[in-house]
């Protein structure tokens, strides 16, 4: 998923970090909240995936819709991992 050095893409680990921080940001913690800033809740994880798809494919000029970008993200990067 991370672009190799020398490639045109600029999707690197700092980009992933920015997406993680953006999705995990909470300006007003609620009482009894169990969300730690080091972990993502389920909806935050999906938000990170959408942000990654947008950066990697929509802003990269490959796809025009979020649906296509998410499909490309799963097909090209996430479905290659073995099932647990």
Protein backbone atom coordinates (compact mmCIF):
# COMPACT_ATOMS: atom_id res chain seq x y z
CA UNK A 1 0.00 0.00 0.00
CA UNK A 2 2.91 2.33 0.77
CA UNK A 3 4.52 3.72 -2.38
CA UNK A 4 8.11 2.67 -3.01
CA UNK A 5 10.87 5.25 -3.22
CA UNK A 6 11.30 6.80 -6.59
CA UNK A 7 7.69 6.19 -7.65
CA UNK A 8 5.39 9.04 -8.59
CA UNK A 9 2.98 8.29 -5.74
CA UNK A 10 3.38 10.10 -2.48
CA UNK A 11 1.51 7.69 -0.24
CA UNK A 12 3.91 7.05 2.61
CA UNK A 13 3.79 6.12 6.29
CA UNK A 14 3.32 9.74 7.38
CA UNK A 15 0.18 9.90 5.21
CA UNK A 16 -1.19 6.83 6.98
CA UNK A 17 -0.33 8.43 10.34
CA UNK A 18 -2.22 11.60 9.41
CA UNK A 19 -5.29 9.56 8.43
CA UNK A 20 -5.12 7.61 11.71
CA UNK A 21 -4.88 10.81 13.75
CA UNK A 22 -7.69 12.50 11.79
CA UNK A 23 -10.06 9.57 12.19
CA UNK A 24 -9.22 9.10 15.86
CA UNK A 25 -9.53 12.79 16.83
CA UNK A 26 -12.21 13.67 19.35
CA UNK A 27 -12.56 17.30 20.39
CA UNK A 28 -14.87 16.59 23.34
CA UNK A 29 -14.49 13.23 25.08
CA UNK A 30 -17.75 11.95 26.50
CA UNK A 31 -18.14 10.68 30.04
CA UNK A 32 -17.49 6.96 30.24
CA UNK A 33 -15.78 6.89 26.85
CA UNK A 34 -13.46 3.91 26.39
CA UNK A 35 -11.78 5.23 23.25
CA UNK A 36 -8.03 5.46 23.68
CA UNK A 37 -6.07 7.65 21.27
CA UNK A 38 -3.83 4.67 20.42
CA UNK A 39 -6.71 2.52 19.16
CA UNK A 40 -9.42 2.86 16.56
CA UNK A 41 -13.06 2.09 17.13
CA UNK A 42 -14.82 0.14 14.40
CA UNK A 43 -16.26 3.20 12.66
CA UNK A 44 -12.90 4.98 12.89
CA UNK A 45 -11.21 2.01 11.20
CA UNK A 46 -13.65 2.26 8.29
CA UNK A 47 -13.07 6.00 8.14
CA UNK A 48 -9.32 5.38 7.81
CA UNK A 49 -9.97 2.95 4.95
CA UNK A 50 -12.08 5.55 3.14
CA UNK A 51 -9.43 8.22 3.71
CA UNK A 52 -6.70 5.92 2.39
CA UNK A 53 -8.79 5.03 -0.67
CA UNK A 54 -9.40 8.72 -1.35
CA UNK A 55 -5.73 9.63 -1.07
CA UNK A 56 -4.40 6.64 -2.96
CA UNK A 57 -6.90 6.46 -5.81
CA UNK A 58 -9.12 9.55 -6.09
CA UNK A 59 -6.44 12.17 -5.46
CA UNK A 60 -3.98 10.02 -7.41
CA UNK A 61 -6.25 10.33 -10.44
CA UNK A 62 -6.99 6.63 -10.92
CA UNK A 63 -10.69 6.57 -9.99
CA UNK A 64 -13.46 9.10 -9.82
CA UNK A 65 -15.80 7.67 -7.16
CA UNK A 66 -15.37 6.49 -3.60
CA UNK A 67 -16.94 3.16 -4.55
CA UNK A 68 -14.29 2.55 -7.22
CA UNK A 69 -11.52 3.74 -4.91
CA UNK A 70 -12.58 1.41 -2.07
CA UNK A 71 -12.92 -1.50 -4.48
CA UNK A 72 -9.42 -0.83 -5.82
CA UNK A 73 -8.02 -0.57 -2.30
CA UNK A 74 -9.48 -3.96 -1.34
CA UNK A 75 -8.61 -5.70 -4.60
CA UNK A 76 -5.08 -4.36 -4.98
CA UNK A 77 -3.93 -4.25 -1.37
CA UNK A 78 -6.13 -5.87 1.27
CA UNK A 79 -7.39 -9.12 -0.25
CA UNK A 80 -3.86 -10.44 -0.74
CA UNK A 81 -3.42 -11.25 2.94
CA UNK A 82 -4.05 -14.85 4.03
CA UNK A 83 -7.22 -15.53 5.97
CA UNK A 84 -6.85 -16.10 9.67
